[in-house]
Structures are given as C-alpha cells and as structure tokens.
C-alpha atoms as a PDB file:
ATOM      1  CA  MET A   1      -6.807  -3.720  11.086  1.00  0.00           C
ATOM      2  CA  ARG A   2      -4.124  -5.464   9.078  1.00  0.00           C
ATOM      3  CA  TRP A   3      -4.683  -6.038   5.401  1.00  0.00           C
ATOM      4  CA  ARG A   4      -2.657  -8.184   3.046  1.00  0.00           C
ATOM      5  CA  PRO A   5      -2.650  -7.320  -0.663  1.00  0.00           C
ATOM      6  CA  VAL A   6      -4.271  -9.891  -2.932  1.00  0.00           C
ATOM      7  CA  ALA A   7      -1.483  -9.687  -5.475  1.00  0.00           C
ATOM      8  CA  SER A   8       1.993 -10.913  -4.670  1.00  0.00           C
ATOM      9  CA  ILE A   9       4.434  -8.157  -3.939  1.00  0.00           C
ATOM     10  CA  GLU A  10       7.443 -10.392  -4.189  1.00  0.00           C
ATOM     11  CA  ARG A  11      10.296  -8.364  -5.574  1.00  0.00           C
ATOM     12  CA  ARG A  12      12.697 -10.122  -7.903  1.00  0.00           C
ATOM     13  CA  CYS A  13      15.066  -7.228  -8.163  1.00  0.00           C
ATOM     14  CA  GLY A  14      17.876  -8.523  -6.027  1.00  0.00           C
ATOM     15  CA  VAL A  15      16.312  -7.261  -2.803  1.00  0.00           C
ATOM     16  CA  GLY A  16      14.690 -10.479  -1.596  1.00  0.00           C
ATOM     17  CA  ARG A  17      11.069 -10.951  -0.683  1.00  0.00           C
ATOM     18  CA  LEU A  18       9.468  -7.707   0.332  1.00  0.00           C
ATOM     19  CA  GLU A  19       6.150  -8.092   2.105  1.00  0.00           C
ATOM     20  CA  THR A  20       4.088  -5.421   3.790  1.00  0.00           C
ATOM     21  CA  THR A  21       0.767  -5.771   5.590  1.00  0.00           C
ATOM     22  CA  THR A  22       0.091  -2.092   6.172  1.00  0.00           C
ATOM     23  CA  ALA A  23       1.161   1.255   4.826  1.00  0.00           C
ATOM     24  CA  GLY A  24       3.651   1.637   7.625  1.00  0.00           C
ATOM     25  CA  ARG A  25       2.762   1.201  11.266  1.00  0.00           C
ATOM     26  CA  ALA A  26       0.930   4.522  11.367  1.00  0.00           C
ATOM     27  CA  LEU A  27      -2.043   3.313   9.315  1.00  0.00           C
ATOM     28  CA  LYS A  28      -3.157   1.096  12.177  1.00  0.00           C
ATOM     29  CA  ALA A  29      -4.448   4.292  13.767  1.00  0.00           C
ATOM     30  CA  LYS A  30      -8.045   5.229  13.009  1.00  0.00           C
ATOM     31  CA  VAL A  31     -10.290   8.178  13.735  1.00  0.00           C
ATOM     32  CA  ASP A  32     -12.933   7.547  16.373  1.00  0.00           C
ATOM     33  CA  VAL A  33     -15.831   9.815  15.434  1.00  0.00           C
ATOM     34  CA  ALA A  34     -17.262   9.406  18.928  1.00  0.00           C
ATOM     35  CA  ARG A  35     -14.291  11.349  20.308  1.00  0.00           C
ATOM     36  CA  ALA A  36     -12.114  14.296  19.250  1.00  0.00           C
ATOM     37  CA  VAL A  37     -12.117  13.858  15.479  1.00  0.00           C
ATOM     38  CA  GLY A  38      -9.890  16.810  14.614  1.00  0.00           C
ATOM     39  CA  LYS A  39      -7.229  15.792  17.101  1.00  0.00           C
ATOM     40  CA  ASP A  40      -7.298  12.191  15.859  1.00  0.00           C
ATOM     41  CA  VAL A  41      -6.936  13.211  12.204  1.00  0.00           C
ATOM     42  CA  ARG A  42      -4.024  15.490  13.014  1.00  0.00           C
ATOM     43  CA  SER A  43      -2.368  12.774  15.091  1.00  0.00           C
ATOM     44  CA  VAL A  44      -2.696  10.148  12.345  1.00  0.00           C
ATOM     45  CA  MET A  45      -1.172  12.473   9.751  1.00  0.00           C
ATOM     46  CA  ASP A  46       1.684  13.425  12.051  1.00  0.00           C
ATOM     47  CA  GLU A  47       2.372   9.740  12.747  1.00  0.00           C
ATOM     48  CA  LEU A  48       2.468   9.004   9.022  1.00  0.00           C
ATOM     49  CA  LEU A  49       5.206  11.580   8.549  1.00  0.00           C
ATOM     50  CA  LYS A  50       7.033  10.546  11.711  1.00  0.00           C
ATOM     51  CA  ASP A  51       7.065   6.910  10.626  1.00  0.00           C
ATOM     52  CA  ALA A  52       8.207   7.794   7.099  1.00  0.00           C
ATOM     53  CA  VAL A  53      11.054   9.953   8.423  1.00  0.00           C
ATOM     54  CA  ALA A  54      12.174   7.209  10.818  1.00  0.00           C
ATOM     55  CA  ARG A  55      12.217   4.579   8.076  1.00  0.00           C
ATOM     56  CA  LEU A  56      14.058   6.775   5.597  1.00  0.00           C
ATOM     57  CA  SER A  57      16.614   7.949   8.162  1.00  0.00           C
ATOM     58  CA  SER A  58      17.482   4.497   9.482  1.00  0.00           C
ATOM     59  CA  ARG A  59      20.875   3.068   8.585  1.00  0.00           C
ATOM     60  CA  LYS A  60      19.703  -0.456   9.351  1.00  0.00           C
ATOM     61  CA  GLY A  61      17.438  -2.913   7.585  1.00  0.00           C
ATOM     62  CA  ASN A  62      16.418  -3.308   3.963  1.00  0.00           C
ATOM     63  CA  ILE A  63      16.410   0.121   2.326  1.00  0.00           C
ATOM     64  CA  HIS A  64      14.042  -1.068  -0.413  1.00  0.00           C
ATOM     65  CA  GLU A  65      11.497  -2.155   2.194  1.00  0.00           C
ATOM     66  CA  ALA A  66      11.923   1.140   4.043  1.00  0.00           C
ATOM     67  CA  VAL A  67      11.317   3.128   0.856  1.00  0.00           C
ATOM     68  CA  HIS A  68       8.341   0.920  -0.046  1.00  0.00           C
ATOM     69  CA  ASP A  69       6.659   1.594   3.311  1.00  0.00           C
ATOM     70  CA  ALA A  70       7.555   5.285   3.343  1.00  0.00           C
ATOM     71  CA  ARG A  71       5.999   5.783  -0.097  1.00  0.00           C
ATOM     72  CA  LYS A  72       2.801   4.128   1.127  1.00  0.00           C
ATOM     73  CA  ASN A  73       2.742   6.504   4.084  1.00  0.00           C
ATOM     74  CA  LEU A  74       3.121   9.451   1.735  1.00  0.00           C
ATOM     75  CA  LYS A  75       0.271   8.208  -0.452  1.00  0.00           C
ATOM     76  CA  ALA A  76      -1.967   7.983   2.598  1.00  0.00           C
ATOM     77  CA  PHE A  77      -0.827  11.413   3.767  1.00  0.00           C
ATOM     78  CA  ARG A  78      -1.703  12.985   0.417  1.00  0.00           C
ATOM     79  CA  SER A  79      -5.096  11.269   0.465  1.00  0.00           C
ATOM     80  CA  TYR A  80      -5.849  12.833   3.844  1.00  0.00           C
ATOM     81  CA  LEU A  81      -4.637  16.220   2.630  1.00  0.00           C
ATOM     82  CA  ARG A  82      -7.293  16.061  -0.075  1.00  0.00           C
ATOM     83  CA  LEU A  83      -9.882  15.312   2.578  1.00  0.00           C
ATOM     84  CA  LEU A  84      -8.848  18.438   4.512  1.00  0.00           C
ATOM     85  CA  ARG A  85      -8.420  20.738   1.529  1.00  0.00           C
ATOM     86  CA  SER A  86     -11.215  23.115   2.549  1.00  0.00           C
ATOM     87  CA  LEU A  87      -9.935  23.289   6.136  1.00  0.00           C
ATOM     88  CA  ILE A  88      -6.198  23.915   5.846  1.00  0.00           C
ATOM     89  CA  GLY A  89      -5.997  26.670   3.227  1.00  0.00           C
ATOM     90  CA  GLU A  90      -2.558  27.324   1.729  1.00  0.00           C
ATOM     91  CA  ASP A  91      -1.056  24.448   3.706  1.00  0.00           C
ATOM     92  CA  TYR A  92      -2.778  22.049   1.314  1.00  0.00           C
ATOM     93  CA  ARG A  93      -0.833  23.134  -1.741  1.00  0.00           C
ATOM     94  CA  ALA A  94       2.512  23.413   0.043  1.00  0.00           C
ATOM     95  CA  LEU A  95       2.294  20.044   1.796  1.00  0.00           C
ATOM     96  CA  ASN A  96       0.862  18.257  -1.225  1.00  0.00           C
ATOM     97  CA  VAL A  97       3.741  19.428  -3.416  1.00  0.00           C
ATOM     98  CA  GLN A  98       6.317  18.429  -0.806  1.00  0.00           C
ATOM     99  CA  ALA A  99       4.804  14.975  -0.285  1.00  0.00           C
ATOM    100  CA  ARG A 100       4.420  14.441  -4.037  1.00  0.00           C
ATOM    101  CA  ASP A 101       8.008  15.421  -4.768  1.00  0.00           C
ATOM    102  CA  ALA A 102       9.264  13.251  -1.920  1.00  0.00           C
ATOM    103  CA  ALA A 103       7.402  10.224  -3.267  1.00  0.00           C
ATOM    104  CA  ARG A 104       8.742  10.852  -6.772  1.00  0.00           C
ATOM    105  CA  THR A 105      12.295  11.061  -5.476  1.00  0.00           C
ATOM    106  CA  LEU A 106      11.846   7.638  -3.889  1.00  0.00           C
ATOM    107  CA  SER A 107      10.302   6.022  -6.971  1.00  0.00           C
ATOM    108  CA  GLY A 108      13.470   5.570  -9.019  1.00  0.00           C
ATOM    109  CA  ALA A 109      13.498   1.765  -8.892  1.00  0.00           C
ATOM    110  CA  ARG A 110       9.737   1.369  -9.234  1.00  0.00           C
ATOM    111  CA  ASP A 111       9.748   0.570 -12.966  1.00  0.00           C
ATOM    112  CA  SER A 112      12.114  -2.358 -12.446  1.00  0.00           C
ATOM    113  CA  VAL A 113       9.862  -3.748  -9.721  1.00  0.00           C
ATOM    114  CA  ALA A 114       6.753  -3.245 -11.867  1.00  0.00           C
ATOM    115  CA  LEU A 115       8.340  -5.047 -14.815  1.00  0.00           C
ATOM    116  CA  HIS A 116       9.071  -8.111 -12.705  1.00  0.00           C
ATOM    117  CA  ASP A 117       5.553  -8.044 -11.262  1.00  0.00           C
ATOM    118  CA  ALA A 118       4.122  -7.973 -14.796  1.00  0.00           C
ATOM    119  CA  ILE A 119       6.402 -10.834 -15.829  1.00  0.00           C
ATOM    120  CA  ASP A 120       5.017 -12.814 -12.871  1.00  0.00           C
ATOM    121  CA  GLN A 121       1.563 -12.381 -14.394  1.00  0.00           C
ATOM    122  CA  VAL A 122       2.740 -13.498 -17.831  1.00  0.00           C
ATOM    123  CA  GLU A 123       4.491 -16.512 -16.337  1.00  0.00           C
ATOM    124  CA  ALA A 124       1.332 -17.539 -14.462  1.00  0.00           C
ATOM    125  CA  TYR A 125      -0.677 -17.148 -17.679  1.00  0.00           C
ATOM    126  CA  PHE A 126       1.500 -19.699 -19.486  1.00  0.00           C
ATOM    127  CA  ALA A 127       1.927 -22.030 -16.500  1.00  0.00           C
ATOM    128  CA  HIS A 128      -0.704 -24.570 -17.626  1.00  0.00           C
ATOM    129  CA  ARG A 129      -0.222 -24.272 -21.367  1.00  0.00           C
ATOM    130  CA  ARG A 130       1.633 -26.780 -23.488  1.00  0.00           C
ATOM    131  CA  LYS A 131       3.474 -24.198 -25.542  1.00  0.00           C
ATOM    132  CA  ARG A 132       5.318 -21.804 -23.304  1.00  0.00           C
ATOM    133  CA  PRO A 133       7.654 -19.054 -24.446  1.00  0.00           C
ATOM    134  CA  ASN A 134      10.940 -18.637 -22.660  1.00  0.00           C
ATOM    135  CA  ILE A 135      10.067 -16.366 -19.725  1.00  0.00           C
ATOM    136  CA  ALA A 136      13.737 -16.207 -18.802  1.00  0.00           C
ATOM    137  CA  VAL A 137      14.422 -13.826 -21.670  1.00  0.00           C
ATOM    138  CA  LEU A 138      11.948 -11.348 -20.174  1.00  0.00           C
ATOM    139  CA  ARG A 139      13.580 -11.703 -16.771  1.00  0.00           C
ATOM    140  CA  LYS A 140      16.962 -11.071 -18.316  1.00  0.00           C
ATOM    141  CA  ALA A 141      15.675  -7.965 -20.078  1.00  0.00           C
ATOM    142  CA  ALA A 142      14.138  -6.609 -16.870  1.00  0.00           C
ATOM    143  CA  ASP A 143      17.330  -7.378 -14.943  1.00  0.00           C
ATOM    144  CA  ALA A 144      19.282  -5.326 -17.459  1.00  0.00           C
ATOM    145  CA  GLU A 145      17.055  -2.383 -16.592  1.00  0.00           C
ATOM    146  CA  ARG A 146      17.513  -3.051 -12.881  1.00  0.00           C
ATOM    147  CA  ARG A 147      21.273  -2.819 -13.235  1.00  0.00           C
ATOM    148  CA  GLN A 148      20.835   0.721 -14.501  1.00  0.00           C
ATOM    149  CA  ALA A 149      18.954   1.691 -11.341  1.00  0.00           C
ATOM    150  CA  ALA A 150      20.633   3.405  -8.399  1.00  0.00           C
ATOM    151  CA  SER A 151      22.735   1.445  -5.927  1.00  0.00           C
ATOM    152  CA  ASP A 152      21.617   0.877  -2.334  1.00  0.00           C
ATOM    153  CA  ALA A 153      24.072   3.528  -1.147  1.00  0.00           C
ATOM    154  CA  VAL A 154      22.619   6.124  -3.508  1.00  0.00           C
ATOM    155  CA  ILE A 155      19.066   5.198  -2.473  1.00  0.00           C
ATOM    156  CA  ARG A 156      19.961   5.554   1.217  1.00  0.00           C
ATOM    157  CA  ALA A 157      21.479   8.972   0.605  1.00  0.00           C
ATOM    158  CA  ALA A 158      18.397  10.126  -1.317  1.00  0.00           C
ATOM    159  CA  SER A 159      16.158   8.708   1.419  1.00  0.00           C
ATOM    160  CA  ARG A 160      17.952  10.696   4.106  1.00  0.00           C
ATOM    161  CA  ASP A 161      17.569  13.855   2.019  1.00  0.00           C
ATOM    162  CA  VAL A 162      13.834  13.224   1.702  1.00  0.00           C
ATOM    163  CA  ALA A 163      13.565  12.610   5.451  1.00  0.00           C
ATOM    164  CA  LYS A 164      15.098  16.039   6.099  1.00  0.00           C
ATOM    165  CA  LEU A 165      12.534  17.660   3.808  1.00  0.00           C
ATOM    166  CA  LEU A 166       9.619  15.934   5.553  1.00  0.00           C
ATOM    167  CA  GLY A 167      10.649  17.036   9.042  1.00  0.00           C
ATOM    168  CA  PRO A 168       9.311  20.615   8.715  1.00  0.00           C
ATOM    169  CA  CYS A 169       6.027  19.247   7.361  1.00  0.00           C
ATOM    170  CA  ARG A 170       5.356  17.734  10.780  1.00  0.00           C
ATOM    171  CA  GLU A 171       5.596  21.174  12.375  1.00  0.00           C
ATOM    172  CA  THR A 172       2.933  22.469   9.997  1.00  0.00           C
ATOM    173  CA  VAL A 173       0.597  19.548  10.690  1.00  0.00           C
ATOM    174  CA  ARG A 174       0.975  19.774  14.469  1.00  0.00           C
ATOM    175  CA  ALA A 175       0.004  23.460  14.370  1.00  0.00           C
ATOM    176  CA  TRP A 176      -3.434  22.698  12.922  1.00  0.00           C
ATOM    177  CA  THR A 177      -6.661  23.079  14.869  1.00  0.00           C
ATOM    178  CA  LEU A 178      -9.168  20.867  13.077  1.00  0.00           C
ATOM    179  CA  PRO A 179     -12.914  20.753  13.824  1.00  0.00           C
ATOM    180  CA  ASP A 180     -14.778  17.822  15.342  1.00  0.00           C
ATOM    181  CA  ASP A 181     -18.133  18.311  13.619  1.00  0.00           C
ATOM    182  CA  ALA A 182     -19.064  15.987  10.781  1.00  0.00           C
ATOM    183  CA  ASP A 183     -19.907  18.404   7.955  1.00  0.00           C
ATOM    184  CA  PRO A 184     -16.434  19.267   6.567  1.00  0.00           C
ATOM    185  CA  TYR A 185     -15.313  15.641   6.700  1.00  0.00           C
ATOM    186  CA  VAL A 186     -18.478  14.336   5.075  1.00  0.00           C
ATOM    187  CA  ASP A 187     -18.089  16.979   2.353  1.00  0.00           C
ATOM    188  CA  GLY A 188     -14.471  15.954   1.785  1.00  0.00           C
ATOM    189  CA  LEU A 189     -15.284  12.249   1.702  1.00  0.00           C
ATOM    190  CA  THR A 190     -18.155  12.821  -0.714  1.00  0.00           C
ATOM    191  CA  THR A 191     -15.933  14.839  -3.055  1.00  0.00           C
ATOM    192  CA  THR A 192     -13.322  12.074  -3.038  1.00  0.00           C
ATOM    193  CA  TYR A 193     -15.960   9.441  -3.791  1.00  0.00           C
ATOM    194  CA  LYS A 194     -17.489  11.531  -6.575  1.00  0.00           C
ATOM    195  CA  THR A 195     -14.114  12.064  -8.249  1.00  0.00           C
ATOM    196  CA  ALA A 196     -13.084   8.413  -7.931  1.00  0.00           C
ATOM    197  CA  ARG A 197     -16.437   7.257  -9.315  1.00  0.00           C
ATOM    198  CA  ARG A 198     -16.216   9.588 -12.313  1.00  0.00           C
ATOM    199  CA  ARG A 199     -12.580   8.819 -13.078  1.00  0.00           C
ATOM    200  CA  LEU A 200     -13.091   5.076 -12.752  1.00  0.00           C
ATOM    201  CA  GLN A 201     -16.088   5.130 -15.069  1.00  0.00           C
ATOM    202  CA  LEU A 202     -14.077   7.093 -17.633  1.00  0.00           C
ATOM    203  CA  GLY A 203     -11.130   4.725 -17.395  1.00  0.00           C
ATOM    204  CA  LEU A 204     -13.255   1.613 -17.781  1.00  0.00           C
ATOM    205  CA  ASP A 205     -15.133   3.186 -20.698  1.00  0.00           C
ATOM    206  CA  THR A 206     -12.061   4.245 -22.672  1.00  0.00           C
ATOM    207  CA  ARG A 207      -9.693   1.546 -21.343  1.00  0.00           C
ATOM    208  CA  LEU A 208      -6.857   3.912 -22.131  1.00  0.00           C
ATOM    209  CA  PRO A 209      -3.829   3.357 -19.879  1.00  0.00           C
ATOM    210  CA  VAL A 210      -3.622   7.040 -18.940  1.00  0.00           C
ATOM    211  CA  ASP A 211      -7.283   7.083 -17.857  1.00  0.00           C
ATOM    212  CA  LEU A 212      -6.990   3.843 -15.883  1.00  0.00           C
ATOM    213  CA  HIS A 213      -3.832   5.095 -14.192  1.00  0.00           C
ATOM    214  CA  GLU A 214      -5.609   8.273 -13.119  1.00  0.00           C
ATOM    215  CA  ALA A 215      -8.581   6.216 -11.934  1.00  0.00           C
ATOM    216  CA  ARG A 216      -6.278   4.097  -9.788  1.00  0.00           C
ATOM    217  CA  LYS A 217      -4.902   7.184  -8.050  1.00  0.00           C
ATOM    218  CA  ARG A 218      -8.427   8.356  -7.200  1.00  0.00           C
ATOM    219  CA  VAL A 219      -9.443   4.901  -5.969  1.00  0.00           C
ATOM    220  CA  ILE A 220      -6.400   4.917  -3.684  1.00  0.00           C
ATOM    221  CA  HIS A 221      -7.519   8.230  -2.158  1.00  0.00           C
ATOM    222  CA  TRP A 222     -10.977   6.819  -1.459  1.00  0.00           C
ATOM    223  CA  ARG A 223      -9.555   3.573  -0.076  1.00  0.00           C
ATOM    224  CA  TYR A 224      -7.316   5.390   2.426  1.00  0.00           C
ATOM    225  CA  GLN A 225     -10.031   7.809   3.506  1.00  0.00           C
ATOM    226  CA  MET A 226     -12.514   4.988   4.060  1.00  0.00           C
ATOM    227  CA  ASP A 227      -9.926   3.162   6.134  1.00  0.00           C
ATOM    228  CA  LEU A 228      -9.344   6.270   8.241  1.00  0.00           C
ATOM    229  CA  PHE A 229     -13.055   6.571   9.044  1.00  0.00           C
ATOM    230  CA  SER A 230     -13.879   2.859   9.253  1.00  0.00           C
ATOM    231  CA  SER A 231     -15.110   3.418  12.833  1.00  0.00           C
ATOM    232  CA  LEU A 232     -18.290   4.856  11.301  1.00  0.00           C
ATOM    233  CA  TRP A 233     -19.454   1.270  10.726  1.00  0.00           C
ATOM    234  CA  PRO A 234     -16.496  -1.058  11.327  1.00  0.00           C
ATOM    235  CA  ARG A 235     -17.781  -4.356   9.957  1.00  0.00           C
ATOM    236  CA  VAL A 236     -19.141  -2.863   6.756  1.00  0.00           C
ATOM    237  CA  LEU A 237     -16.378  -0.366   6.040  1.00  0.00           C
ATOM    238  CA  LYS A 238     -13.528  -2.771   6.774  1.00  0.00           C
ATOM    239  CA  ALA A 239     -15.009  -5.086   4.150  1.00  0.00           C
ATOM    240  CA  THR A 240     -15.346  -2.116   1.795  1.00  0.00           C
ATOM    241  CA  VAL A 241     -11.692  -1.217   2.308  1.00  0.00           C
ATOM    242  CA  ARG A 242     -10.670  -4.783   1.462  1.00  0.00           C
ATOM    243  CA  GLU A 243     -12.663  -4.631  -1.773  1.00  0.00           C
ATOM    244  CA  LEU A 244     -11.175  -1.240  -2.610  1.00  0.00           C
ATOM    245  CA  GLN A 245      -7.724  -2.693  -2.039  1.00  0.00           C
ATOM    246  CA  ASP A 246      -8.540  -5.506  -4.473  1.00  0.00           C
ATOM    247  CA  LEU A 247      -9.690  -2.926  -7.029  1.00  0.00           C
ATOM    248  CA  ARG A 248      -6.488  -0.994  -6.461  1.00  0.00           C
ATOM    249  CA  GLU A 249      -4.485  -4.162  -7.123  1.00  0.00           C
ATOM    250  CA  ASP A 250      -6.434  -4.919 -10.314  1.00  0.00           C
ATOM    251  CA  LEU A 251      -5.666  -1.467 -11.676  1.00  0.00           C
ATOM    252  CA  GLY A 252      -2.072  -1.642 -10.473  1.00  0.00           C
ATOM    253  CA  GLN A 253      -1.506  -4.964 -12.217  1.00  0.00           C
ATOM    254  CA  HIS A 254      -2.982  -3.475 -15.380  1.00  0.00           C
ATOM    255  CA  ASN A 255      -0.554  -0.576 -15.105  1.00  0.00           C
ATOM    256  CA  ASP A 256       2.386  -2.986 -14.706  1.00  0.00           C
ATOM    257  CA  LEU A 257       1.304  -4.892 -17.816  1.00  0.00           C
ATOM    258  CA  VAL A 258       1.099  -1.665 -19.808  1.00  0.00           C
ATOM    259  CA  LEU A 259       4.653  -0.838 -18.769  1.00  0.00           C
ATOM    260  CA  LEU A 260       5.932  -4.262 -19.828  1.00  0.00           C
ATOM    261  CA  GLU A 261       4.092  -4.025 -23.150  1.00  0.00           C
ATOM    262  CA  SER A 262       5.584  -0.604 -23.851  1.00  0.00           C
ATOM    263  CA  ARG A 263       9.098  -1.897 -23.152  1.00  0.00           C
ATOM    264  CA  ILE A 264       8.645  -4.888 -25.452  1.00  0.00           C
ATOM    265  CA  ARG A 265       7.218  -2.793 -28.296  1.00  0.00           C
ATOM    266  CA  ALA A 266       9.901  -0.116 -27.961  1.00  0.00           C
ATOM    267  CA  ALA A 267      12.619  -2.801 -28.128  1.00  0.00           C
ATOM    268  CA  GLU A 268      15.002  -0.616 -26.156  1.00  0.00           C
ATOM    269  CA  GLY A 269      17.541  -1.355 -23.439  1.00  0.00           C
ATOM    270  CA  GLY A 270      17.400  -4.947 -22.277  1.00  0.00           C
ATOM    271  CA  PHE A 271      14.385  -5.583 -24.507  1.00  0.00           C
ATOM    272  CA  GLU A 272      16.276  -4.761 -27.689  1.00  0.00           C
ATOM    273  CA  GLY A 273      16.557  -7.740 -30.006  1.00  0.00           C
ATOM    274  CA  LEU A 274      13.928  -9.777 -28.153  1.00  0.00           C
ATOM    275  CA  GLU A 275      13.041 -12.659 -30.472  1.00  0.00           C
ATOM    276  CA  THR A 276       9.411 -13.681 -31.095  1.00  0.00           C
ATOM    277  CA  PRO A 277       7.753 -11.138 -28.806  1.00  0.00           C
ATOM    278  CA  GLU A 278       4.286 -11.957 -30.176  1.00  0.00           C
ATOM    279  CA  PRO A 279       3.375 -14.632 -27.566  1.00  0.00           C
ATOM    280  CA  PHE A 280       4.244 -12.204 -24.780  1.00  0.00           C
ATOM    281  CA  LEU A 281       2.250  -9.377 -26.339  1.00  0.00           C
ATOM    282  CA  ASP A 282      -0.742 -11.657 -26.938  1.00  0.00           C
ATOM    283  CA  SER A 283      -0.727 -12.787 -23.310  1.00  0.00           C
ATOM    284  CA  ILE A 284      -0.515  -9.190 -22.106  1.00  0.00           C
ATOM    285  CA  THR A 285      -3.572  -8.288 -24.198  1.00  0.00           C
ATOM    286  CA  VAL A 286      -5.555 -11.095 -22.556  1.00  0.00           C
ATOM    287  CA  LEU A 287      -4.310 -10.275 -19.061  1.00  0.00           C
ATOM    288  CA  ARG A 288      -5.114  -6.581 -19.419  1.00  0.00           C
ATOM    289  CA  ALA A 289      -8.647  -7.461 -20.502  1.00  0.00           C
ATOM    290  CA  ARG A 290      -9.025  -9.709 -17.459  1.00  0.00           C
ATOM    291  CA  ARG A 291      -7.897  -6.984 -15.075  1.00  0.00           C
ATOM    292  CA  VAL A 292     -10.341  -4.521 -16.633  1.00  0.00           C
ATOM    293  CA  HIS A 293     -13.141  -7.082 -16.411  1.00  0.00           C
ATOM    294  CA  ARG A 294     -12.506  -7.610 -12.701  1.00  0.00           C
ATOM    295  CA  ALA A 295     -12.302  -3.868 -12.159  1.00  0.00           C
ATOM    296  CA  CYS A 296     -15.695  -3.447 -13.860  1.00  0.00           C
ATOM    297  CA  TYR A 297     -17.196  -5.975 -11.467  1.00  0.00           C
ATOM    298  CA  ARG A 298     -15.785  -4.225  -8.413  1.00  0.00           C
ATOM    299  CA  ARG A 299     -16.809  -0.814  -9.719  1.00  0.00           C
ATOM    300  CA  ALA A 300     -20.395  -2.047  -9.983  1.00  0.00           C
ATOM    301  CA  LEU A 301     -20.287  -3.017  -6.305  1.00  0.00           C
ATOM    302  CA  LEU A 302     -18.266  -0.168  -4.838  1.00  0.00           C
ATOM    303  CA  PHE A 303     -19.406   2.842  -6.872  1.00  0.00           C
ATOM    304  CA  CYS A 304     -23.052   2.080  -7.636  1.00  0.00           C
ATOM    305  CA  ASP A 305     -24.492   4.836  -5.427  1.00  0.00           C
ATOM    306  CA  PRO A 306     -24.731   8.486  -6.518  1.00  0.00           C
ATOM    307  CA  PRO A 307     -22.594  10.882  -4.448  1.00  0.00           C
ATOM    308  CA  SER A 308     -25.657  12.450  -2.816  1.00  0.00           C
ATOM    309  CA  LEU A 309     -26.687   9.079  -1.385  1.00  0.00           C
ATOM    310  CA  VAL A 310     -23.160   8.406  -0.153  1.00  0.00           C
ATOM    311  CA  SER A 311     -23.229  11.771   1.612  1.00  0.00           C
ATOM    312  CA  ASP A 312     -26.542  10.881   3.271  1.00  0.00           C
ATOM    313  CA  HIS A 313     -25.181   7.509   4.381  1.00  0.00           C
ATOM    314  CA  LEU A 314     -22.035   9.050   5.844  1.00  0.00           C
ATOM    315  CA  THR A 315     -24.061  11.597   7.787  1.00  0.00           C
ATOM    316  CA  THR A 316     -26.379   8.900   9.134  1.00  0.00           C
ATOM    317  CA  TRP A 317     -23.490   6.623  10.106  1.00  0.00           C
ATOM    318  CA  TRP A 318     -21.702   9.521  11.777  1.00  0.00           C
ATOM    319  CA  THR A 319     -24.746  10.336  13.887  1.00  0.00           C
ATOM    320  CA  ALA A 320     -25.210   6.685  14.828  1.00  0.00           C
ATOM    321  CA  ALA A 321     -21.540   6.250  15.725  1.00  0.00           C
ATOM    322  CA  ARG A 322     -21.614   9.260  18.003  1.00  0.00           C
ATOM    323  CA  THR A 323     -24.472   7.800  20.017  1.00  0.00           C
ATOM    324  CA  ARG A 324     -21.875   5.478  21.527  1.00  0.00           C
ATOM    325  CA  ARG A 325     -20.375   8.500  23.247  1.00  0.00           C
ATOM    326  CA  ASP A 326     -23.726   9.347  24.845  1.00  0.00           C
ATOM    327  CA  ALA A 327     -24.497   5.795  26.005  1.00  0.00           C
ATOM    328  CA  PRO A 328     -25.092   5.459  29.777  1.00  0.00           C
END
C-alpha cells in the first residue's frame, strides 16, 4: 500500500521539492498472519535497516531525500522494537538506543524544514484576507537559519557514519527467532494502543506543546504497527492507517507552528528585529487551535475503544485471518 501525506512536504530549504509516498521501500512489506509471522517481522525489520543503510551510503541522488527516507525507516524500526520488547530482551534497549541516536544525528536540518512548513501554513491562512503581512520577512528569517545548517558534504559524511553504525544492527536482527503465535504480538499492539490513547488524551486536555509532541510520537508507533499488521483485516486497517497518518500530520503541523512561534518570540538569529510580529503570532494561535480541534475529532474516532476491547478485536481478527491458511 502506498500512502501520500495529507500535508505538503515541499521543502523550501534550497533542496527542491522532496516528496515521499512511503517510509522507504521497505514499508511496502507487510506481515501475513496466515503464514510465518515471526519470520516476516524479522524480515521487515532487516529490510528497514538495509534500505536505510543503502540510502545513507549512496553517493548519488539528493542527500536530503535520502536522509528523509532513512529517518522514516528508523522511526518504523523503533516502533517495531517496541512491539517486540517482551520477546527480544536486552536487544531492545541496545537497538533502540542505536536507532534513536542515528535518527538524531540525521536531524540537524529538521528545524529549518519545519520552520518553512509552518510558514506555509501561515501564508495559506492569510491567502484570502485583505490585509496580509509580509510573509517574505519570515522566509528570510528562516533562510538565515538554514544557512547556519550543515552543508551537503557534511551531511553526506555524517550519513555514511550512521550507515556504518547501523550495519551491525542487522546482524542482531537476523539472529532472532521470533514466535508465530498471536499472543505476544497482540499484547504488544495493545500496549502501544493503550499508551498512545493515554498520551493523546493528556495532550489534547492540556494542549501543552510538550504533551502534544509526546502524543505524536506514540501515535506514530501505533500507526506503523497497524500498517505492519494490516493483513488482519486489510480494508478496515488500511483505512485506519490513513486516518492515523492524518492525525500524525495534524500533530506534526502543530509542532511546526510551536517552533515558529518560539523563534518569533525569542527574536533571535534571523528573527531578531522582526517588525510587527503580532499578525504572525495571532495567526499561529488560530492555526494551532485548528490543528488541535482536528486532532480531537480524529482521536474520538481512532481511540474510542478501551484497550481490553482492542485486544479482543485483534485476537478475533487474527483467528479469522488464519482461517485463510486452512481453506481447502
């Protein structure tokens, strides 16, 4: 299944238009619960690392696009690690730290990208209004921050270093012997759902940026895990994954707006001396409220069931899906 994010991921950071329809090629792979589940899960995780290493090691193509896709692979990989936490023992902590540190190393230019994405939202907000502030001054301020980011050559060198660190992780993953029975996977999925549900409720109640940011991370884990096991009920779960992706984008756009607001209020770097920031700050307040409102709507749809009911549903779907294997 190919999904296309609702929000534009056009990058105005001097790297051209960067568009991705999947978290690397590896995420096209799914687990077929009617077959060897453990082998499939291990294979998907190995492919995620293999694909990330290949992208980061390549000397050709757009390095920003390669890093973008590799980071998505690492997010998916960490989501699956959480699913397997009870099965892989000490490997969980070691691999999670390595994948986390690798993703952080590759995130140096992320703030510049996020600022431009937030400015896109502000620009769209004022598009049909008579009085429009000069958006160009925000672009100029964000560009000043971009110029402080690492050069392509430095990013390529860092990417190759990360690729070398990820290589040994593949050896660890390929040594696993994972079970095929449903119970440990259903338990892991239920735990992920429970945590995402609780964190999202907290974030939407407090509306604090730190709580909403944490909620987004948990939603991402649930989104990737649902995608991995979409063969349980393909038509229903593929639609669920699309809605989870929309929720992820809502929370991500909110996070970008928070970053832009903090830069404007701090009046540092390129944002120092910004005249009449009030219209920009007012628009950000409205836009943040809109993103939270949409997230509340999607939460009501996607996280309405208690974890115990979700566990029961997963078990039932798993049993039903496996009947395909026994069909004459």
